[in-house]
Amino acid sequence: MVPVLSKPAFQKLGVFLVFAFLLTACSPKLDWRSVQSPQEGYSALFPGKPEKIERRLPYQNQAIPQILEAVKIEDDIYSVSTIYLNKEQSALAPKLLEQLQGNLLNRASVNLESAVSADALYQTANRQRIATKDYFLEFKSAGAVEQSMRVRWITRVTPGNGAWIYQLSVLHTAPARVDAKKFFSEESYSNFFDEFRPE
């Protein structure tokens, strides 16, 4: 049986993300800066100064550390979510990643196979290039705004046999629907994904 996060846990995660987005509401437009996050094992290029929020994600009767760095620029929220699993927890990584992916993909009424995606590469801190995929999601909306997202998941094993799970995303909210793959291919979005460097 696939372990799932409880409904209250997902609701708390939603509140966590909304809180992060509200904190970043006054950021300047496209003030690109390199952000070093040695404790989370990465460096990134953000289009403004991100806010950092820490929490513990309840999963299988454990409290999993999660860090979110996010910045809001007009209609877009750029964010890097980091989950750390220690050596004893690292076996949870595949199912936890599956659950994180499923949460977003289900909201867009797609799965990993049916979602619009594109092959991509990311570069580690030691300049190793590794294949990955970017997903382009369009969320169903009953209101006056439309939401779309470009998202990438990366899992990295640590020297001590722990694991990092990274979720990079840009969420776009606007009155009109956009073609997510075309829209998020613009340089202002590609920079954010291309310059992410995990250790």
N, C-alpha and C. Protein backbone atom coordinates (compact mmCIF):
# COMPACT_ATOMS: atom_id res chain seq x y z
N MET A 1 0.85 -1.20 0.00
CA MET A 1 0.00 0.00 0.00
C MET A 1 0.88 1.25 0.00
N VAL A 2 0.56 2.19 -0.90
CA VAL A 2 1.35 3.42 -0.99
C VAL A 2 1.02 4.32 0.19
N PRO A 3 2.02 4.75 0.98
CA PRO A 3 1.74 5.65 2.10
C PRO A 3 1.30 7.01 1.60
N VAL A 4 0.37 7.61 2.27
CA VAL A 4 -0.12 8.92 1.84
C VAL A 4 -0.04 9.89 2.99
N LEU A 5 0.12 11.15 2.63
CA LEU A 5 0.03 12.20 3.64
C LEU A 5 -1.43 12.39 3.98
N SER A 6 -1.73 12.58 5.22
CA SER A 6 -3.11 12.77 5.63
C SER A 6 -3.65 14.09 5.08
N LYS A 7 -4.98 14.18 4.99
CA LYS A 7 -5.60 15.40 4.50
C LYS A 7 -5.19 16.62 5.33
N PRO A 8 -5.18 16.49 6.68
CA PRO A 8 -4.73 17.64 7.48
C PRO A 8 -3.28 18.03 7.16
N ALA A 9 -2.43 17.04 6.86
CA ALA A 9 -1.04 17.36 6.53
C ALA A 9 -0.96 18.16 5.24
N PHE A 10 -1.77 17.78 4.23
CA PHE A 10 -1.77 18.53 2.98
C PHE A 10 -2.36 19.92 3.17
N GLN A 11 -3.38 20.02 4.03
CA GLN A 11 -3.95 21.34 4.30
C GLN A 11 -2.92 22.24 4.96
N LYS A 12 -2.14 21.67 5.89
CA LYS A 12 -1.09 22.44 6.54
C LYS A 12 -0.04 22.87 5.53
N LEU A 13 0.29 21.96 4.58
CA LEU A 13 1.26 22.30 3.54
C LEU A 13 0.73 23.46 2.69
N GLY A 14 -0.58 23.42 2.38
CA GLY A 14 -1.18 24.50 1.60
C GLY A 14 -1.11 25.83 2.33
N VAL A 15 -1.42 25.81 3.62
CA VAL A 15 -1.33 27.03 4.44
C VAL A 15 0.10 27.53 4.48
N PHE A 16 1.04 26.61 4.60
CA PHE A 16 2.48 26.92 4.62
C PHE A 16 2.88 27.65 3.34
N LEU A 17 2.44 27.13 2.18
CA LEU A 17 2.80 27.75 0.89
C LEU A 17 2.13 29.12 0.74
N VAL A 18 0.84 29.20 1.11
CA VAL A 18 0.14 30.49 1.02
C VAL A 18 0.83 31.53 1.89
N PHE A 19 1.20 31.15 3.11
CA PHE A 19 1.89 32.06 4.02
C PHE A 19 3.20 32.54 3.40
N ALA A 20 3.93 31.61 2.79
CA ALA A 20 5.20 31.98 2.15
C ALA A 20 4.96 32.98 1.03
N PHE A 21 3.91 32.75 0.25
CA PHE A 21 3.64 33.63 -0.88
C PHE A 21 3.23 35.02 -0.41
N LEU A 22 2.47 35.09 0.68
CA LEU A 22 2.07 36.39 1.22
C LEU A 22 3.27 37.17 1.74
N LEU A 23 4.23 36.46 2.32
CA LEU A 23 5.43 37.12 2.84
C LEU A 23 6.25 37.77 1.73
N THR A 24 6.15 37.21 0.52
CA THR A 24 7.02 37.67 -0.56
C THR A 24 6.31 38.66 -1.49
N ALA A 25 5.18 39.20 -1.07
CA ALA A 25 4.35 40.00 -1.97
C ALA A 25 4.96 41.33 -2.40
N CYS A 26 5.94 41.85 -1.69
CA CYS A 26 6.45 43.18 -2.00
C CYS A 26 7.83 43.17 -2.65
N SER A 27 8.16 42.12 -3.35
CA SER A 27 9.50 42.02 -3.92
C SER A 27 9.63 42.86 -5.18
N PRO A 28 10.84 43.38 -5.48
CA PRO A 28 11.05 44.16 -6.69
C PRO A 28 11.01 43.27 -7.93
N LYS A 29 10.85 43.87 -9.11
CA LYS A 29 10.75 43.10 -10.35
C LYS A 29 12.12 42.70 -10.87
N LEU A 30 12.33 41.40 -11.04
CA LEU A 30 13.51 40.82 -11.68
C LEU A 30 14.84 41.44 -11.26
N ASP A 31 15.08 41.41 -9.99
CA ASP A 31 16.36 41.84 -9.42
C ASP A 31 17.16 40.57 -9.15
N TRP A 32 17.75 40.01 -10.22
CA TRP A 32 18.39 38.70 -10.14
C TRP A 32 19.54 38.70 -9.14
N ARG A 33 19.57 37.66 -8.30
CA ARG A 33 20.63 37.54 -7.31
C ARG A 33 20.90 36.06 -7.04
N SER A 34 22.18 35.77 -6.83
CA SER A 34 22.57 34.41 -6.48
C SER A 34 22.34 34.19 -5.00
N VAL A 35 21.66 33.10 -4.68
CA VAL A 35 21.35 32.77 -3.29
C VAL A 35 22.06 31.48 -2.93
N GLN A 36 22.89 31.54 -1.91
CA GLN A 36 23.61 30.36 -1.42
C GLN A 36 22.85 29.79 -0.24
N SER A 37 22.53 28.50 -0.32
CA SER A 37 21.83 27.83 0.78
C SER A 37 22.62 26.58 1.16
N PRO A 38 23.79 26.77 1.82
CA PRO A 38 24.64 25.62 2.14
C PRO A 38 23.96 24.60 3.04
N GLN A 39 23.11 25.05 3.95
CA GLN A 39 22.43 24.10 4.83
C GLN A 39 21.45 23.22 4.07
N GLU A 40 20.94 23.73 2.94
CA GLU A 40 20.02 22.94 2.13
C GLU A 40 20.73 22.33 0.91
N GLY A 41 22.03 22.55 0.82
CA GLY A 41 22.83 21.89 -0.21
C GLY A 41 22.61 22.39 -1.63
N TYR A 42 22.36 23.69 -1.82
CA TYR A 42 22.20 24.20 -3.19
C TYR A 42 22.53 25.68 -3.27
N SER A 43 22.71 26.13 -4.50
CA SER A 43 22.72 27.57 -4.81
C SER A 43 21.69 27.78 -5.92
N ALA A 44 21.12 28.98 -5.96
CA ALA A 44 20.07 29.25 -6.95
C ALA A 44 20.12 30.72 -7.35
N LEU A 45 19.52 31.00 -8.49
CA LEU A 45 19.40 32.38 -8.98
C LEU A 45 17.93 32.76 -8.86
N PHE A 46 17.64 33.70 -7.96
CA PHE A 46 16.27 34.17 -7.75
C PHE A 46 16.12 35.57 -8.35
N PRO A 47 14.92 35.90 -8.86
CA PRO A 47 14.69 37.24 -9.43
C PRO A 47 14.33 38.28 -8.39
N GLY A 48 14.70 38.07 -7.17
CA GLY A 48 14.41 38.96 -6.06
C GLY A 48 14.88 38.28 -4.79
N LYS A 49 14.84 38.99 -3.68
CA LYS A 49 15.28 38.40 -2.42
C LYS A 49 14.20 37.47 -1.88
N PRO A 50 14.50 36.16 -1.78
CA PRO A 50 13.48 35.23 -1.30
C PRO A 50 13.35 35.25 0.22
N GLU A 51 12.16 34.91 0.68
CA GLU A 51 11.91 34.68 2.09
C GLU A 51 12.09 33.19 2.35
N LYS A 52 12.56 32.85 3.53
CA LYS A 52 12.77 31.45 3.89
C LYS A 52 11.84 31.07 5.03
N ILE A 53 11.16 29.95 4.86
CA ILE A 53 10.26 29.43 5.89
C ILE A 53 10.64 27.99 6.16
N GLU A 54 10.70 27.63 7.43
CA GLU A 54 11.03 26.27 7.83
C GLU A 54 9.84 25.64 8.53
N ARG A 55 9.64 24.35 8.28
CA ARG A 55 8.58 23.63 8.97
C ARG A 55 8.95 22.16 9.04
N ARG A 56 8.12 21.40 9.71
CA ARG A 56 8.29 19.94 9.75
C ARG A 56 7.06 19.32 9.11
N LEU A 57 7.31 18.45 8.15
CA LEU A 57 6.24 17.80 7.40
C LEU A 57 5.91 16.45 8.04
N PRO A 58 4.70 16.27 8.59
CA PRO A 58 4.37 14.99 9.19
C PRO A 58 4.21 13.92 8.11
N TYR A 59 4.94 12.83 8.25
CA TYR A 59 4.88 11.75 7.26
C TYR A 59 5.25 10.44 7.94
N GLN A 60 4.35 9.48 7.87
CA GLN A 60 4.55 8.17 8.50
C GLN A 60 5.03 8.29 9.96
N ASN A 61 4.31 9.09 10.70
CA ASN A 61 4.61 9.28 12.14
C ASN A 61 5.99 9.88 12.39
N GLN A 62 6.52 10.58 11.41
CA GLN A 62 7.80 11.26 11.57
C GLN A 62 7.63 12.73 11.23
N ALA A 63 8.56 13.54 11.67
CA ALA A 63 8.57 14.97 11.35
C ALA A 63 9.73 15.21 10.39
N ILE A 64 9.42 15.39 9.12
CA ILE A 64 10.45 15.54 8.08
C ILE A 64 10.74 17.04 7.90
N PRO A 65 12.00 17.47 8.04
CA PRO A 65 12.33 18.90 7.83
C PRO A 65 12.06 19.34 6.39
N GLN A 66 11.42 20.49 6.26
CA GLN A 66 11.15 21.07 4.94
C GLN A 66 11.44 22.57 5.00
N ILE A 67 12.15 23.04 3.99
CA ILE A 67 12.49 24.47 3.88
C ILE A 67 11.91 24.99 2.57
N LEU A 68 11.32 26.17 2.60
CA LEU A 68 10.82 26.81 1.39
C LEU A 68 11.47 28.17 1.27
N GLU A 69 12.08 28.43 0.11
CA GLU A 69 12.55 29.78 -0.23
C GLU A 69 11.72 30.23 -1.41
N ALA A 70 11.08 31.39 -1.29
CA ALA A 70 10.17 31.84 -2.33
C ALA A 70 10.17 33.35 -2.45
N VAL A 71 9.90 33.81 -3.67
CA VAL A 71 9.76 35.24 -3.93
C VAL A 71 8.63 35.45 -4.93
N LYS A 72 7.81 36.48 -4.69
CA LYS A 72 6.72 36.81 -5.61
C LYS A 72 7.11 38.02 -6.43
N ILE A 73 7.03 37.86 -7.74
CA ILE A 73 7.30 38.95 -8.68
C ILE A 73 6.06 39.11 -9.55
N GLU A 74 5.29 40.15 -9.32
CA GLU A 74 4.04 40.40 -10.03
C GLU A 74 3.14 39.17 -9.99
N ASP A 75 2.90 38.52 -11.15
CA ASP A 75 1.97 37.39 -11.19
C ASP A 75 2.63 36.05 -10.94
N ASP A 76 3.93 36.05 -10.62
CA ASP A 76 4.68 34.81 -10.53
C ASP A 76 5.28 34.59 -9.14
N ILE A 77 5.27 33.33 -8.72
CA ILE A 77 5.94 32.95 -7.47
C ILE A 77 7.01 31.92 -7.81
N TYR A 78 8.26 32.30 -7.57
CA TYR A 78 9.41 31.43 -7.79
C TYR A 78 9.74 30.77 -6.45
N SER A 79 9.86 29.46 -6.44
CA SER A 79 10.14 28.82 -5.16
C SER A 79 11.01 27.57 -5.30
N VAL A 80 11.78 27.33 -4.25
CA VAL A 80 12.55 26.09 -4.10
C VAL A 80 12.14 25.49 -2.76
N SER A 81 11.58 24.29 -2.82
CA SER A 81 11.22 23.56 -1.62
C SER A 81 12.24 22.44 -1.43
N THR A 82 12.73 22.30 -0.21
CA THR A 82 13.76 21.32 0.10
C THR A 82 13.30 20.43 1.25
N ILE A 83 13.39 19.14 1.04
CA ILE A 83 13.11 18.17 2.10
C ILE A 83 14.38 17.37 2.33
N TYR A 84 14.77 17.26 3.59
CA TYR A 84 15.95 16.47 3.92
C TYR A 84 15.54 15.20 4.66
N LEU A 85 16.08 14.07 4.19
CA LEU A 85 15.88 12.78 4.84
C LEU A 85 17.23 12.27 5.32
N ASN A 86 17.33 11.95 6.61
CA ASN A 86 18.60 11.44 7.11
C ASN A 86 18.78 9.97 6.70
N LYS A 87 19.89 9.39 7.10
CA LYS A 87 20.22 8.02 6.68
C LYS A 87 19.09 7.04 7.02
N GLU A 88 18.51 7.18 8.20
CA GLU A 88 17.46 6.27 8.62
C GLU A 88 16.15 6.51 7.87
N GLN A 89 15.95 7.73 7.36
CA GLN A 89 14.71 8.07 6.66
C GLN A 89 14.83 7.95 5.14
N SER A 90 16.04 7.80 4.62
CA SER A 90 16.26 7.92 3.17
C SER A 90 15.47 6.90 2.35
N ALA A 91 15.12 5.76 2.93
CA ALA A 91 14.32 4.76 2.20
C ALA A 91 12.92 5.30 1.89
N LEU A 92 12.50 6.36 2.59
CA LEU A 92 11.19 6.96 2.35
C LEU A 92 11.17 7.83 1.09
N ALA A 93 12.33 8.16 0.56
CA ALA A 93 12.42 9.15 -0.53
C ALA A 93 11.54 8.83 -1.73
N PRO A 94 11.57 7.61 -2.30
CA PRO A 94 10.75 7.36 -3.50
C PRO A 94 9.26 7.58 -3.27
N LYS A 95 8.74 7.07 -2.17
CA LYS A 95 7.29 7.21 -1.92
C LYS A 95 6.92 8.64 -1.54
N LEU A 96 7.79 9.32 -0.82
CA LEU A 96 7.51 10.71 -0.47
C LEU A 96 7.53 11.58 -1.73
N LEU A 97 8.49 11.35 -2.61
CA LEU A 97 8.53 12.08 -3.89
C LEU A 97 7.28 11.80 -4.70
N GLU A 98 6.87 10.55 -4.76
CA GLU A 98 5.66 10.18 -5.49
C GLU A 98 4.45 10.92 -4.95
N GLN A 99 4.38 11.06 -3.63
CA GLN A 99 3.26 11.74 -3.01
C GLN A 99 3.29 13.24 -3.32
N LEU A 100 4.48 13.85 -3.26
CA LEU A 100 4.61 15.28 -3.58
C LEU A 100 4.21 15.55 -5.03
N GLN A 101 4.68 14.70 -5.93
CA GLN A 101 4.34 14.84 -7.34
C GLN A 101 2.83 14.68 -7.54
N GLY A 102 2.28 13.64 -6.91
CA GLY A 102 0.86 13.36 -7.08
C GLY A 102 -0.02 14.50 -6.62
N ASN A 103 0.38 15.19 -5.57
CA ASN A 103 -0.40 16.31 -5.07
C ASN A 103 -0.59 17.39 -6.13
N LEU A 104 0.48 17.74 -6.82
CA LEU A 104 0.38 18.76 -7.88
C LEU A 104 -0.27 18.22 -9.14
N LEU A 105 0.16 17.04 -9.57
CA LEU A 105 -0.35 16.48 -10.81
C LEU A 105 -1.85 16.22 -10.74
N ASN A 106 -2.33 15.75 -9.60
CA ASN A 106 -3.77 15.52 -9.44
C ASN A 106 -4.56 16.81 -9.56
N ARG A 107 -4.01 17.90 -9.03
CA ARG A 107 -4.70 19.20 -9.15
C ARG A 107 -4.82 19.64 -10.61
N ALA A 108 -3.88 19.18 -11.44
CA ALA A 108 -3.91 19.52 -12.87
C ALA A 108 -4.60 18.42 -13.69
N SER A 109 -5.12 17.40 -13.01
CA SER A 109 -5.82 16.27 -13.66
C SER A 109 -4.94 15.55 -14.67
N VAL A 110 -3.67 15.36 -14.30
CA VAL A 110 -2.73 14.62 -15.15
C VAL A 110 -1.90 13.70 -14.26
N ASN A 111 -1.06 12.88 -14.89
CA ASN A 111 -0.08 12.09 -14.16
C ASN A 111 1.28 12.28 -14.83
N LEU A 112 2.31 11.60 -14.35
CA LEU A 112 3.65 11.80 -14.90
C LEU A 112 3.73 11.47 -16.39
N GLU A 113 2.91 10.51 -16.83
CA GLU A 113 2.95 10.11 -18.24
C GLU A 113 2.16 11.06 -19.13
N SER A 114 1.03 11.58 -18.63
CA SER A 114 0.18 12.41 -19.48
C SER A 114 0.48 13.91 -19.38
N ALA A 115 1.23 14.33 -18.38
CA ALA A 115 1.54 15.75 -18.22
C ALA A 115 2.45 16.23 -19.36
N VAL A 116 2.26 17.48 -19.77
CA VAL A 116 3.16 18.08 -20.75
C VAL A 116 4.52 18.23 -20.08
N SER A 117 5.56 17.74 -20.74
CA SER A 117 6.89 17.77 -20.12
C SER A 117 7.94 18.05 -21.18
N ALA A 118 9.15 18.30 -20.72
CA ALA A 118 10.29 18.52 -21.61
C ALA A 118 11.53 17.99 -20.93
N ASP A 119 12.39 17.33 -21.69
CA ASP A 119 13.67 16.88 -21.15
C ASP A 119 14.52 18.09 -20.83
N ALA A 120 15.27 18.00 -19.76
CA ALA A 120 16.12 19.11 -19.33
C ALA A 120 17.39 18.55 -18.70
N LEU A 121 18.33 19.44 -18.44
CA LEU A 121 19.56 19.09 -17.73
C LEU A 121 19.74 20.06 -16.58
N TYR A 122 20.27 19.57 -15.48
CA TYR A 122 20.70 20.48 -14.43
C TYR A 122 22.16 20.20 -14.14
N GLN A 123 22.82 21.20 -13.58
CA GLN A 123 24.25 21.10 -13.32
C GLN A 123 24.48 21.13 -11.82
N THR A 124 25.29 20.20 -11.33
CA THR A 124 25.60 20.16 -9.90
C THR A 124 26.69 21.19 -9.59
N ALA A 125 26.97 21.37 -8.32
CA ALA A 125 28.00 22.32 -7.89
C ALA A 125 29.37 21.95 -8.45
N ASN A 126 29.61 20.65 -8.70
CA ASN A 126 30.91 20.24 -9.26
C ASN A 126 30.85 20.10 -10.78
N ARG A 127 29.86 20.75 -11.40
CA ARG A 127 29.71 20.88 -12.85
C ARG A 127 29.30 19.60 -13.58
N GLN A 128 28.84 18.62 -12.86
CA GLN A 128 28.30 17.42 -13.49
C GLN A 128 26.91 17.76 -14.04
N ARG A 129 26.63 17.34 -15.28
CA ARG A 129 25.33 17.61 -15.89
C ARG A 129 24.48 16.34 -15.82
N ILE A 130 23.25 16.49 -15.32
CA ILE A 130 22.38 15.34 -15.08
C ILE A 130 21.01 15.58 -15.73
N ALA A 131 20.50 14.54 -16.37
CA ALA A 131 19.21 14.64 -17.06
C ALA A 131 18.06 14.70 -16.05
N THR A 132 17.05 15.46 -16.40
CA THR A 132 15.84 15.57 -15.58
C THR A 132 14.68 15.89 -16.50
N LYS A 133 13.53 16.17 -15.94
CA LYS A 133 12.36 16.58 -16.72
C LYS A 133 11.70 17.78 -16.06
N ASP A 134 11.17 18.66 -16.87
CA ASP A 134 10.34 19.75 -16.39
C ASP A 134 8.91 19.43 -16.79
N TYR A 135 7.97 19.76 -15.91
CA TYR A 135 6.55 19.53 -16.17
C TYR A 135 5.84 20.87 -16.22
N PHE A 136 4.88 20.96 -17.15
CA PHE A 136 4.14 22.20 -17.39
C PHE A 136 2.67 21.91 -17.10
N LEU A 137 2.17 22.50 -16.02
CA LEU A 137 0.84 22.17 -15.53
C LEU A 137 -0.11 23.36 -15.66
N GLU A 138 -1.35 23.06 -15.99
CA GLU A 138 -2.41 24.06 -16.01
C GLU A 138 -3.50 23.58 -15.07
N PHE A 139 -3.79 24.38 -14.05
CA PHE A 139 -4.73 23.96 -13.03
C PHE A 139 -6.15 24.41 -13.37
N LYS A 140 -7.09 23.54 -13.09
CA LYS A 140 -8.49 23.86 -13.31
C LYS A 140 -8.90 24.97 -12.34
N SER A 141 -9.70 25.89 -12.84
CA SER A 141 -10.11 27.02 -12.00
C SER A 141 -11.59 27.30 -12.19
N ALA A 142 -12.27 27.53 -11.08
CA ALA A 142 -13.69 27.89 -11.13
C ALA A 142 -13.86 29.39 -10.94
N GLY A 143 -12.76 30.06 -10.61
CA GLY A 143 -12.83 31.49 -10.34
C GLY A 143 -12.43 32.34 -11.53
N ALA A 144 -12.06 33.59 -11.24
CA ALA A 144 -11.72 34.55 -12.29
C ALA A 144 -10.25 34.51 -12.69
N VAL A 145 -9.45 33.68 -12.01
CA VAL A 145 -8.02 33.62 -12.34
C VAL A 145 -7.65 32.23 -12.80
N GLU A 146 -6.61 32.17 -13.59
CA GLU A 146 -6.07 30.90 -14.09
C GLU A 146 -4.68 30.73 -13.51
N GLN A 147 -4.32 29.48 -13.23
CA GLN A 147 -2.99 29.20 -12.70
C GLN A 147 -2.29 28.15 -13.55
N SER A 148 -0.99 28.38 -13.76
CA SER A 148 -0.16 27.41 -14.46
C SER A 148 1.19 27.36 -13.77
N MET A 149 1.92 26.28 -14.00
CA MET A 149 3.17 26.07 -13.27
C MET A 149 4.17 25.30 -14.13
N ARG A 150 5.42 25.67 -13.96
CA ARG A 150 6.54 24.85 -14.42
C ARG A 150 7.20 24.31 -13.17
N VAL A 151 7.42 23.00 -13.14
CA VAL A 151 7.96 22.38 -11.94
C VAL A 151 8.98 21.32 -12.30
N ARG A 152 9.98 21.19 -11.45
CA ARG A 152 11.05 20.19 -11.62
C ARG A 152 11.33 19.57 -10.25
N TRP A 153 11.47 18.25 -10.24
CA TRP A 153 11.85 17.54 -9.02
C TRP A 153 13.23 16.93 -9.19
N ILE A 154 14.06 17.08 -8.17
CA ILE A 154 15.41 16.52 -8.18
C ILE A 154 15.64 15.82 -6.85
N THR A 155 16.16 14.60 -6.92
CA THR A 155 16.53 13.87 -5.70
C THR A 155 18.04 13.65 -5.72
N ARG A 156 18.69 13.95 -4.60
CA ARG A 156 20.15 13.80 -4.50
C ARG A 156 20.50 13.02 -3.23
N VAL A 157 21.39 12.05 -3.36
CA VAL A 157 21.88 11.30 -2.20
C VAL A 157 23.05 12.06 -1.60
N THR A 158 23.07 12.15 -0.27
CA THR A 158 24.15 12.87 0.42
C THR A 158 25.31 11.92 0.69
N PRO A 159 26.52 12.46 0.97
CA PRO A 159 27.66 11.59 1.31
C PRO A 159 27.38 10.68 2.50
N GLY A 160 26.52 11.09 3.43
CA GLY A 160 26.20 10.26 4.59
C GLY A 160 25.02 9.34 4.37
N ASN A 161 24.66 9.13 3.08
CA ASN A 161 23.54 8.25 2.71
C ASN A 161 22.16 8.77 3.13
N GLY A 162 22.06 10.08 3.32
CA GLY A 162 20.75 10.71 3.45
C GLY A 162 20.28 11.08 2.06
N ALA A 163 19.23 11.89 1.98
CA ALA A 163 18.72 12.29 0.67
C ALA A 163 18.08 13.67 0.75
N TRP A 164 18.26 14.43 -0.34
CA TRP A 164 17.58 15.71 -0.52
C TRP A 164 16.51 15.50 -1.59
N ILE A 165 15.34 16.07 -1.38
CA ILE A 165 14.32 16.15 -2.42
C ILE A 165 14.06 17.63 -2.67
N TYR A 166 14.32 18.07 -3.90
CA TYR A 166 14.12 19.47 -4.27
C TYR A 166 12.92 19.58 -5.20
N GLN A 167 12.11 20.60 -4.98
CA GLN A 167 11.04 20.95 -5.92
C GLN A 167 11.23 22.41 -6.32
N LEU A 168 11.58 22.63 -7.58
CA LEU A 168 11.70 23.99 -8.12
C LEU A 168 10.43 24.27 -8.89
N SER A 169 9.86 25.44 -8.68
CA SER A 169 8.64 25.75 -9.43
C SER A 169 8.46 27.25 -9.60
N VAL A 170 7.74 27.57 -10.67
CA VAL A 170 7.23 28.93 -10.85
C VAL A 170 5.73 28.79 -11.07
N LEU A 171 4.96 29.45 -10.22
CA LEU A 171 3.51 29.45 -10.33
C LEU A 171 3.07 30.80 -10.89
N HIS A 172 2.30 30.75 -11.99
CA HIS A 172 1.81 31.97 -12.64
C HIS A 172 0.31 32.05 -12.44
N THR A 173 -0.15 33.19 -11.93
CA THR A 173 -1.58 33.42 -11.71
C THR A 173 -1.99 34.67 -12.46
N ALA A 174 -2.99 34.53 -13.34
CA ALA A 174 -3.42 35.67 -14.15
C ALA A 174 -4.86 35.45 -14.61
N PRO A 175 -5.52 36.50 -15.13
CA PRO A 175 -6.91 36.35 -15.58
C PRO A 175 -7.06 35.42 -16.79
N ALA A 176 -6.04 35.35 -17.63
CA ALA A 176 -6.15 34.56 -18.87
C ALA A 176 -5.25 33.33 -18.81
N ARG A 177 -5.73 32.22 -19.38
CA ARG A 177 -4.94 31.00 -19.43
C ARG A 177 -3.80 31.18 -20.43
N VAL A 178 -2.65 30.61 -20.11
CA VAL A 178 -1.50 30.66 -21.01
C VAL A 178 -1.14 29.24 -21.44
N ASP A 179 -0.43 29.13 -22.56
CA ASP A 179 0.15 27.85 -22.96
C ASP A 179 1.39 27.68 -22.08
N ALA A 180 1.30 26.82 -21.07
CA ALA A 180 2.33 26.75 -20.03
C ALA A 180 3.71 26.46 -20.60
N LYS A 181 3.82 25.52 -21.52
CA LYS A 181 5.14 25.14 -22.03
C LYS A 181 5.78 26.31 -22.77
N LYS A 182 5.02 26.98 -23.61
CA LYS A 182 5.55 28.13 -24.35
C LYS A 182 5.85 29.29 -23.41
N PHE A 183 4.93 29.58 -22.51
CA PHE A 183 5.07 30.71 -21.61
C PHE A 183 6.30 30.58 -20.72
N PHE A 184 6.50 29.41 -20.13
CA PHE A 184 7.60 29.22 -19.18
C PHE A 184 8.94 28.95 -19.85
N SER A 185 8.97 28.96 -21.19
CA SER A 185 10.24 28.81 -21.90
C SER A 185 10.96 30.15 -22.03
N GLU A 186 10.31 31.24 -21.64
CA GLU A 186 10.94 32.56 -21.71
C GLU A 186 12.15 32.61 -20.78
N GLU A 187 13.10 33.47 -21.13
CA GLU A 187 14.38 33.52 -20.43
C GLU A 187 14.23 33.79 -18.93
N SER A 188 13.26 34.62 -18.55
CA SER A 188 13.11 34.97 -17.14
C SER A 188 12.75 33.76 -16.29
N TYR A 189 12.17 32.75 -16.90
CA TYR A 189 11.86 31.52 -16.19
C TYR A 189 12.98 30.49 -16.35
N SER A 190 13.51 30.39 -17.56
CA SER A 190 14.58 29.42 -17.81
C SER A 190 15.79 29.69 -16.93
N ASN A 191 16.12 30.97 -16.71
CA ASN A 191 17.26 31.32 -15.84
C ASN A 191 17.13 30.69 -14.47
N PHE A 192 15.94 30.76 -13.92
CA PHE A 192 15.70 30.23 -12.57
C PHE A 192 15.98 28.74 -12.52
N PHE A 193 15.51 28.01 -13.52
CA PHE A 193 15.71 26.55 -13.54
C PHE A 193 17.15 26.20 -13.92
N ASP A 194 17.71 26.89 -14.90
CA ASP A 194 19.05 26.55 -15.40
C ASP A 194 20.14 26.83 -14.38
N GLU A 195 19.93 27.81 -13.50
CA GLU A 195 20.99 28.20 -12.58
C GLU A 195 20.87 27.54 -11.20
N PHE A 196 19.95 26.64 -11.04
CA PHE A 196 19.85 25.89 -9.78
C PHE A 196 20.99 24.88 -9.73
N ARG A 197 21.77 24.89 -8.65
CA ARG A 197 22.94 24.02 -8.52
C ARG A 197 22.91 23.26 -7.19
N PRO A 198 22.46 22.00 -7.20
CA PRO A 198 22.59 21.21 -5.97
C PRO A 198 23.99 20.71 -5.80
N GLU A 199 24.37 20.34 -4.59
CA GLU A 199 25.71 19.82 -4.35
C GLU A 199 25.86 18.43 -4.95
